[in-house]
Amino acid sequence: MKKLTLYFLVLHTVMLLVSGFGVWFILYRFFPDTLVDFYFIIPLFFYLMGIIFIYRFRHTPVNEPKQVVNLYMLMRMIKIFMSFAIILLYWFLDKPHIRSFAGIFIIFYLINLVWETYIYLKMELYFKHKDRQMKSQRKDAEL
C-alpha cells in the first residue's frame, strides 16, 4: 500500500504542477485580462485536498468496500463545500474579479475530477485484488 500511495502522491503532484503552470501560461499568454491576483490559491487548494484524499484512502480497511465508497462520497461533498467557501471568500475580498476566479476554479475542479477519479479507480482495483488474495489465503488455510 505504501508503494501505491507514493505513486498516487507523485502522480498528483506532477498533474497539479503541469495543470497549474499550463493553465497559468495559457491565461498569461492568451487571456491576460482574466488572470487573477491570487491564482496560486486554486492549485494549492486542489493539491491539499488531493493529499487528504489519498491519505484517507490509505487508512481505509481493505475488506470493507462499502466504507471505501462512503469515504469517496464524503470526500466529494467536503470538496464541494470547501470549494464554495473559497469562492465565497474570494468574492468578499475581490468582487470585480470573481467571475474570472470562479471560471478558473471550475476549470481546475474539472481537471482535478478526472485524475482523482483515476486514483479512486486504481485504489478500488487494488482493494479488490487484496480482498481476493485474503479470501484465497483463508480457503488455503481451511484446506
N, C-alpha and C. Protein backbone atom coordinates (compact mmCIF):
# COMPACT_ATOMS: atom_id res chain seq x y z
N MET A 1 0.83 -1.19 0.00
CA MET A 1 0.00 0.00 0.00
C MET A 1 0.87 1.26 0.00
N LYS A 2 2.05 1.20 0.65
CA LYS A 2 2.93 2.36 0.68
C LYS A 2 3.42 2.71 -0.72
N LYS A 3 3.70 1.70 -1.51
CA LYS A 3 4.17 1.92 -2.87
C LYS A 3 3.07 2.58 -3.72
N LEU A 4 1.84 2.11 -3.56
CA LEU A 4 0.71 2.67 -4.29
C LEU A 4 0.44 4.11 -3.85
N THR A 5 0.53 4.38 -2.57
CA THR A 5 0.33 5.73 -2.05
C THR A 5 1.40 6.68 -2.59
N LEU A 6 2.64 6.22 -2.61
CA LEU A 6 3.71 7.04 -3.14
C LEU A 6 3.48 7.33 -4.63
N TYR A 7 3.03 6.32 -5.37
CA TYR A 7 2.72 6.51 -6.79
C TYR A 7 1.63 7.58 -6.96
N PHE A 8 0.59 7.49 -6.16
CA PHE A 8 -0.51 8.46 -6.25
C PHE A 8 -0.05 9.87 -5.86
N LEU A 9 0.80 9.97 -4.84
CA LEU A 9 1.29 11.28 -4.44
C LEU A 9 2.15 11.90 -5.54
N VAL A 10 3.01 11.10 -6.16
CA VAL A 10 3.85 11.62 -7.25
C VAL A 10 2.97 12.00 -8.44
N LEU A 11 2.01 11.15 -8.79
CA LEU A 11 1.10 11.44 -9.90
C LEU A 11 0.32 12.73 -9.62
N HIS A 12 -0.19 12.85 -8.42
CA HIS A 12 -0.98 14.02 -8.05
C HIS A 12 -0.12 15.29 -8.13
N THR A 13 1.10 15.23 -7.62
CA THR A 13 1.99 16.38 -7.64
C THR A 13 2.33 16.78 -9.07
N VAL A 14 2.69 15.80 -9.89
CA VAL A 14 3.04 16.10 -11.28
C VAL A 14 1.84 16.66 -12.04
N MET A 15 0.69 16.04 -11.87
CA MET A 15 -0.50 16.52 -12.58
C MET A 15 -0.86 17.95 -12.15
N LEU A 16 -0.73 18.23 -10.88
CA LEU A 16 -1.06 19.57 -10.41
C LEU A 16 -0.05 20.60 -10.89
N LEU A 17 1.23 20.25 -10.90
CA LEU A 17 2.24 21.17 -11.41
C LEU A 17 2.03 21.45 -12.90
N VAL A 18 1.78 20.39 -13.66
CA VAL A 18 1.56 20.55 -15.10
C VAL A 18 0.30 21.38 -15.38
N SER A 19 -0.78 21.02 -14.72
CA SER A 19 -2.03 21.77 -14.97
C SER A 19 -1.94 23.18 -14.40
N GLY A 20 -1.30 23.36 -13.26
CA GLY A 20 -1.18 24.69 -12.67
C GLY A 20 -0.38 25.64 -13.55
N PHE A 21 0.80 25.18 -13.96
CA PHE A 21 1.62 26.03 -14.83
C PHE A 21 1.01 26.14 -16.23
N GLY A 22 0.39 25.07 -16.70
CA GLY A 22 -0.24 25.10 -18.02
C GLY A 22 -1.38 26.09 -18.10
N VAL A 23 -2.27 26.05 -17.13
CA VAL A 23 -3.40 26.99 -17.12
C VAL A 23 -2.90 28.41 -16.92
N TRP A 24 -1.91 28.59 -16.03
CA TRP A 24 -1.36 29.93 -15.82
C TRP A 24 -0.75 30.46 -17.10
N PHE A 25 0.02 29.63 -17.83
CA PHE A 25 0.65 30.07 -19.07
C PHE A 25 -0.39 30.43 -20.13
N ILE A 26 -1.42 29.60 -20.26
CA ILE A 26 -2.48 29.89 -21.23
C ILE A 26 -3.18 31.20 -20.88
N LEU A 27 -3.48 31.39 -19.60
CA LEU A 27 -4.12 32.64 -19.19
C LEU A 27 -3.19 33.84 -19.40
N TYR A 28 -1.95 33.69 -19.02
CA TYR A 28 -0.98 34.78 -19.14
C TYR A 28 -0.74 35.15 -20.60
N ARG A 29 -0.66 34.14 -21.44
CA ARG A 29 -0.32 34.38 -22.85
C ARG A 29 -1.52 34.82 -23.69
N PHE A 30 -2.67 34.15 -23.50
CA PHE A 30 -3.81 34.39 -24.38
C PHE A 30 -4.95 35.19 -23.75
N PHE A 31 -5.10 35.11 -22.43
CA PHE A 31 -6.20 35.79 -21.75
C PHE A 31 -5.69 36.56 -20.53
N PRO A 32 -4.81 37.53 -20.72
CA PRO A 32 -4.21 38.22 -19.56
C PRO A 32 -5.22 38.99 -18.72
N ASP A 33 -6.34 39.37 -19.32
CA ASP A 33 -7.34 40.12 -18.54
C ASP A 33 -8.11 39.23 -17.57
N THR A 34 -8.07 37.91 -17.75
CA THR A 34 -8.77 37.01 -16.84
C THR A 34 -7.87 36.46 -15.72
N LEU A 35 -6.58 36.73 -15.80
CA LEU A 35 -5.67 36.25 -14.76
C LEU A 35 -5.93 37.01 -13.46
N VAL A 36 -6.12 36.28 -12.38
CA VAL A 36 -6.44 36.89 -11.09
C VAL A 36 -5.18 36.99 -10.23
N ASP A 37 -5.24 37.87 -9.25
CA ASP A 37 -4.07 38.13 -8.39
C ASP A 37 -3.69 36.92 -7.55
N PHE A 38 -4.65 36.24 -7.00
CA PHE A 38 -4.38 35.12 -6.10
C PHE A 38 -4.58 33.78 -6.80
N TYR A 39 -4.03 33.66 -7.99
CA TYR A 39 -4.16 32.43 -8.78
C TYR A 39 -3.59 31.22 -8.04
N PHE A 40 -2.50 31.41 -7.32
CA PHE A 40 -1.82 30.30 -6.65
C PHE A 40 -2.72 29.60 -5.64
N ILE A 41 -3.76 30.27 -5.15
CA ILE A 41 -4.66 29.66 -4.17
C ILE A 41 -5.39 28.46 -4.78
N ILE A 42 -5.73 28.55 -6.05
CA ILE A 42 -6.51 27.49 -6.70
C ILE A 42 -5.72 26.18 -6.77
N PRO A 43 -4.51 26.16 -7.37
CA PRO A 43 -3.76 24.89 -7.39
C PRO A 43 -3.40 24.40 -5.98
N LEU A 44 -3.10 25.32 -5.08
CA LEU A 44 -2.76 24.93 -3.71
C LEU A 44 -3.94 24.25 -3.03
N PHE A 45 -5.14 24.78 -3.20
CA PHE A 45 -6.34 24.16 -2.62
C PHE A 45 -6.52 22.74 -3.14
N PHE A 46 -6.42 22.55 -4.45
CA PHE A 46 -6.62 21.22 -5.01
C PHE A 46 -5.48 20.27 -4.65
N TYR A 47 -4.29 20.79 -4.46
CA TYR A 47 -3.18 19.94 -4.03
C TYR A 47 -3.42 19.42 -2.62
N LEU A 48 -3.79 20.32 -1.72
CA LEU A 48 -4.04 19.90 -0.34
C LEU A 48 -5.22 18.94 -0.23
N MET A 49 -6.28 19.22 -0.97
CA MET A 49 -7.44 18.32 -0.95
C MET A 49 -7.07 16.94 -1.50
N GLY A 50 -6.23 16.92 -2.53
CA GLY A 50 -5.80 15.65 -3.11
C GLY A 50 -4.95 14.84 -2.15
N ILE A 51 -4.08 15.50 -1.41
CA ILE A 51 -3.25 14.80 -0.43
C ILE A 51 -4.12 14.20 0.67
N ILE A 52 -5.09 14.97 1.13
CA ILE A 52 -6.02 14.45 2.15
C ILE A 52 -6.78 13.26 1.59
N PHE A 53 -7.25 13.37 0.36
CA PHE A 53 -7.97 12.30 -0.33
C PHE A 53 -7.13 11.01 -0.38
N ILE A 54 -5.88 11.13 -0.77
CA ILE A 54 -5.00 9.96 -0.89
C ILE A 54 -4.71 9.33 0.47
N TYR A 55 -4.40 10.15 1.47
CA TYR A 55 -4.08 9.60 2.78
C TYR A 55 -5.30 9.01 3.49
N ARG A 56 -6.46 9.54 3.25
CA ARG A 56 -7.66 8.95 3.85
C ARG A 56 -7.92 7.56 3.27
N PHE A 57 -7.71 7.41 1.97
CA PHE A 57 -7.89 6.10 1.37
C PHE A 57 -6.84 5.11 1.86
N ARG A 58 -5.68 5.60 2.18
CA ARG A 58 -4.62 4.70 2.67
C ARG A 58 -5.02 4.03 3.98
N HIS A 59 -5.79 4.72 4.78
CA HIS A 59 -6.19 4.18 6.09
C HIS A 59 -7.56 3.51 6.07
N THR A 60 -8.07 3.22 4.89
CA THR A 60 -9.35 2.55 4.76
C THR A 60 -9.14 1.04 4.80
N PRO A 61 -9.95 0.30 5.55
CA PRO A 61 -9.80 -1.15 5.58
C PRO A 61 -10.07 -1.78 4.20
N VAL A 62 -9.23 -2.72 3.83
CA VAL A 62 -9.31 -3.35 2.51
C VAL A 62 -10.56 -4.22 2.38
N ASN A 63 -10.98 -4.83 3.44
CA ASN A 63 -12.07 -5.79 3.37
C ASN A 63 -13.47 -5.17 3.52
N GLU A 64 -13.58 -3.84 3.49
CA GLU A 64 -14.88 -3.19 3.61
C GLU A 64 -15.11 -2.25 2.43
N PRO A 65 -15.61 -2.78 1.30
CA PRO A 65 -15.78 -1.94 0.11
C PRO A 65 -16.84 -0.84 0.28
N LYS A 66 -17.83 -1.07 1.13
CA LYS A 66 -18.85 -0.03 1.36
C LYS A 66 -18.23 1.20 2.01
N GLN A 67 -17.28 0.96 2.88
CA GLN A 67 -16.63 2.07 3.56
C GLN A 67 -15.79 2.90 2.56
N VAL A 68 -15.22 2.24 1.55
CA VAL A 68 -14.46 2.94 0.53
C VAL A 68 -15.37 3.88 -0.27
N VAL A 69 -16.52 3.38 -0.66
CA VAL A 69 -17.48 4.20 -1.42
C VAL A 69 -17.98 5.35 -0.56
N ASN A 70 -18.29 5.08 0.69
CA ASN A 70 -18.76 6.14 1.60
C ASN A 70 -17.69 7.22 1.79
N LEU A 71 -16.45 6.79 1.93
CA LEU A 71 -15.36 7.74 2.08
C LEU A 71 -15.20 8.59 0.83
N TYR A 72 -15.29 7.96 -0.33
CA TYR A 72 -15.18 8.70 -1.59
C TYR A 72 -16.28 9.75 -1.70
N MET A 73 -17.50 9.37 -1.39
CA MET A 73 -18.62 10.32 -1.47
C MET A 73 -18.47 11.44 -0.43
N LEU A 74 -18.00 11.10 0.76
CA LEU A 74 -17.77 12.10 1.80
C LEU A 74 -16.71 13.10 1.36
N MET A 75 -15.63 12.61 0.77
CA MET A 75 -14.58 13.49 0.30
C MET A 75 -15.09 14.40 -0.82
N ARG A 76 -15.94 13.90 -1.67
CA ARG A 76 -16.54 14.72 -2.74
C ARG A 76 -17.37 15.86 -2.14
N MET A 77 -18.18 15.53 -1.14
CA MET A 77 -19.03 16.55 -0.51
C MET A 77 -18.18 17.60 0.21
N ILE A 78 -17.15 17.15 0.91
CA ILE A 78 -16.27 18.09 1.59
C ILE A 78 -15.61 19.02 0.58
N LYS A 79 -15.17 18.45 -0.55
CA LYS A 79 -14.52 19.27 -1.57
C LYS A 79 -15.50 20.29 -2.16
N ILE A 80 -16.73 19.90 -2.38
CA ILE A 80 -17.72 20.83 -2.92
C ILE A 80 -17.96 21.98 -1.95
N PHE A 81 -18.14 21.67 -0.67
CA PHE A 81 -18.40 22.73 0.32
C PHE A 81 -17.17 23.62 0.53
N MET A 82 -15.99 23.03 0.54
CA MET A 82 -14.77 23.82 0.67
C MET A 82 -14.57 24.71 -0.55
N SER A 83 -14.88 24.19 -1.73
CA SER A 83 -14.78 24.98 -2.96
C SER A 83 -15.72 26.18 -2.90
N PHE A 84 -16.93 25.93 -2.47
CA PHE A 84 -17.90 27.02 -2.33
C PHE A 84 -17.40 28.06 -1.33
N ALA A 85 -16.81 27.61 -0.23
CA ALA A 85 -16.30 28.54 0.78
C ALA A 85 -15.14 29.38 0.23
N ILE A 86 -14.26 28.77 -0.53
CA ILE A 86 -13.13 29.51 -1.12
C ILE A 86 -13.64 30.56 -2.10
N ILE A 87 -14.57 30.18 -2.97
CA ILE A 87 -15.12 31.13 -3.94
C ILE A 87 -15.87 32.25 -3.23
N LEU A 88 -16.63 31.91 -2.19
CA LEU A 88 -17.35 32.93 -1.42
C LEU A 88 -16.38 33.89 -0.73
N LEU A 89 -15.32 33.36 -0.15
CA LEU A 89 -14.31 34.20 0.49
C LEU A 89 -13.64 35.13 -0.52
N TYR A 90 -13.32 34.59 -1.69
CA TYR A 90 -12.72 35.43 -2.72
C TYR A 90 -13.69 36.51 -3.19
N TRP A 91 -14.94 36.18 -3.23
CA TRP A 91 -15.95 37.15 -3.63
C TRP A 91 -15.99 38.33 -2.66
N PHE A 92 -15.86 38.03 -1.37
CA PHE A 92 -15.84 39.10 -0.37
C PHE A 92 -14.58 39.95 -0.48
N LEU A 93 -13.46 39.33 -0.85
CA LEU A 93 -12.19 40.04 -0.91
C LEU A 93 -11.97 40.82 -2.21
N ASP A 94 -12.49 40.29 -3.33
CA ASP A 94 -12.21 40.91 -4.63
C ASP A 94 -13.40 40.73 -5.56
N LYS A 95 -14.44 41.53 -5.34
CA LYS A 95 -15.67 41.41 -6.12
C LYS A 95 -15.49 41.64 -7.62
N PRO A 96 -14.67 42.59 -8.07
CA PRO A 96 -14.58 42.82 -9.51
C PRO A 96 -14.04 41.63 -10.33
N HIS A 97 -13.25 40.76 -9.71
CA HIS A 97 -12.62 39.66 -10.44
C HIS A 97 -13.20 38.29 -10.09
N ILE A 98 -14.36 38.26 -9.50
CA ILE A 98 -14.93 36.98 -9.05
C ILE A 98 -15.28 36.07 -10.23
N ARG A 99 -15.73 36.63 -11.33
CA ARG A 99 -16.07 35.78 -12.48
C ARG A 99 -14.85 35.05 -13.02
N SER A 100 -13.75 35.75 -13.15
CA SER A 100 -12.52 35.13 -13.63
C SER A 100 -12.06 34.05 -12.65
N PHE A 101 -12.07 34.38 -11.36
CA PHE A 101 -11.63 33.42 -10.34
C PHE A 101 -12.52 32.18 -10.35
N ALA A 102 -13.81 32.37 -10.40
CA ALA A 102 -14.74 31.24 -10.39
C ALA A 102 -14.59 30.40 -11.65
N GLY A 103 -14.40 31.02 -12.79
CA GLY A 103 -14.21 30.27 -14.03
C GLY A 103 -12.95 29.42 -14.00
N ILE A 104 -11.85 30.02 -13.54
CA ILE A 104 -10.59 29.28 -13.42
C ILE A 104 -10.75 28.16 -12.40
N PHE A 105 -11.42 28.44 -11.32
CA PHE A 105 -11.65 27.44 -10.27
C PHE A 105 -12.43 26.24 -10.82
N ILE A 106 -13.45 26.51 -11.60
CA ILE A 106 -14.26 25.44 -12.19
C ILE A 106 -13.43 24.60 -13.16
N ILE A 107 -12.59 25.25 -13.95
CA ILE A 107 -11.71 24.51 -14.87
C ILE A 107 -10.80 23.58 -14.07
N PHE A 108 -10.21 24.09 -13.00
CA PHE A 108 -9.36 23.25 -12.16
C PHE A 108 -10.16 22.12 -11.52
N TYR A 109 -11.36 22.41 -11.10
CA TYR A 109 -12.19 21.39 -10.47
C TYR A 109 -12.44 20.23 -11.44
N LEU A 110 -12.74 20.55 -12.68
CA LEU A 110 -13.00 19.50 -13.67
C LEU A 110 -11.74 18.72 -14.01
N ILE A 111 -10.61 19.42 -14.15
CA ILE A 111 -9.34 18.72 -14.40
C ILE A 111 -9.02 17.80 -13.24
N ASN A 112 -9.16 18.31 -12.04
CA ASN A 112 -8.86 17.53 -10.84
C ASN A 112 -9.81 16.34 -10.69
N LEU A 113 -11.04 16.51 -11.08
CA LEU A 113 -12.01 15.43 -11.01
C LEU A 113 -11.58 14.23 -11.85
N VAL A 114 -10.98 14.51 -13.00
CA VAL A 114 -10.53 13.43 -13.88
C VAL A 114 -9.45 12.60 -13.21
N TRP A 115 -8.40 13.23 -12.69
CA TRP A 115 -7.34 12.39 -12.14
C TRP A 115 -7.68 11.85 -10.76
N GLU A 116 -8.54 12.48 -10.00
CA GLU A 116 -8.97 11.86 -8.75
C GLU A 116 -9.85 10.65 -9.01
N THR A 117 -10.63 10.68 -10.06
CA THR A 117 -11.42 9.51 -10.44
C THR A 117 -10.49 8.37 -10.84
N TYR A 118 -9.44 8.69 -11.57
CA TYR A 118 -8.44 7.68 -11.94
C TYR A 118 -7.81 7.08 -10.68
N ILE A 119 -7.44 7.92 -9.73
CA ILE A 119 -6.84 7.44 -8.48
C ILE A 119 -7.84 6.55 -7.73
N TYR A 120 -9.09 6.98 -7.67
CA TYR A 120 -10.12 6.19 -6.99
C TYR A 120 -10.29 4.83 -7.65
N LEU A 121 -10.34 4.79 -8.98
CA LEU A 121 -10.50 3.51 -9.68
C LEU A 121 -9.30 2.59 -9.44
N LYS A 122 -8.10 3.14 -9.45
CA LYS A 122 -6.91 2.33 -9.17
C LYS A 122 -6.94 1.79 -7.74
N MET A 123 -7.37 2.61 -6.79
CA MET A 123 -7.46 2.14 -5.41
C MET A 123 -8.53 1.06 -5.27
N GLU A 124 -9.62 1.24 -5.95
CA GLU A 124 -10.69 0.25 -5.90
C GLU A 124 -10.20 -1.09 -6.46
N LEU A 125 -9.47 -1.05 -7.56
CA LEU A 125 -8.90 -2.28 -8.12
C LEU A 125 -7.90 -2.90 -7.16
N TYR A 126 -7.11 -2.08 -6.49
CA TYR A 126 -6.15 -2.58 -5.51
C TYR A 126 -6.87 -3.25 -4.34
N PHE A 127 -7.93 -2.61 -3.84
CA PHE A 127 -8.69 -3.19 -2.73
C PHE A 127 -9.33 -4.52 -3.13
N LYS A 128 -9.87 -4.60 -4.34
CA LYS A 128 -10.47 -5.85 -4.80
C LYS A 128 -9.42 -6.94 -4.93
N HIS A 129 -8.24 -6.57 -5.43
CA HIS A 129 -7.16 -7.54 -5.57
C HIS A 129 -6.72 -8.06 -4.19
N LYS A 130 -6.56 -7.16 -3.24
CA LYS A 130 -6.16 -7.58 -1.88
C LYS A 130 -7.25 -8.42 -1.22
N ASP A 131 -8.50 -8.08 -1.44
CA ASP A 131 -9.60 -8.85 -0.87
C ASP A 131 -9.61 -10.27 -1.43
N ARG A 132 -9.40 -10.39 -2.75
CA ARG A 132 -9.34 -11.74 -3.35
C ARG A 132 -8.17 -12.53 -2.80
N GLN A 133 -7.03 -11.86 -2.59
CA GLN A 133 -5.88 -12.55 -2.02
C GLN A 133 -6.17 -13.04 -0.61
N MET A 134 -6.83 -12.23 0.18
CA MET A 134 -7.15 -12.63 1.55
C MET A 134 -8.13 -13.78 1.56
N LYS A 135 -9.12 -13.77 0.67
CA LYS A 135 -10.09 -14.87 0.59
C LYS A 135 -9.43 -16.16 0.15
N SER A 136 -8.51 -16.07 -0.80
CA SER A 136 -7.84 -17.30 -1.24
C SER A 136 -6.92 -17.83 -0.17
N GLN A 137 -6.30 -16.97 0.63
CA GLN A 137 -5.45 -17.42 1.73
C GLN A 137 -6.29 -18.12 2.80
N ARG A 138 -7.50 -17.60 3.05
CA ARG A 138 -8.38 -18.25 4.01
C ARG A 138 -8.81 -19.64 3.53
N LYS A 139 -9.13 -19.74 2.25
CA LYS A 139 -9.52 -21.03 1.68
C LYS A 139 -8.37 -22.01 1.76
N ASP A 140 -7.15 -21.56 1.46
CA ASP A 140 -5.98 -22.43 1.55
C ASP A 140 -5.74 -22.86 3.00
N ALA A 141 -5.96 -21.99 3.95
CA ALA A 141 -5.76 -22.31 5.34
C ALA A 141 -6.80 -23.30 5.84
N GLU A 142 -8.03 -23.23 5.29
CA GLU A 142 -9.09 -24.15 5.70
C GLU A 142 -8.82 -25.55 5.17
N LEU A 143 -8.16 -25.65 4.06
CA LEU A 143 -7.88 -26.97 3.49
C LEU A 143 -6.78 -27.60 4.26
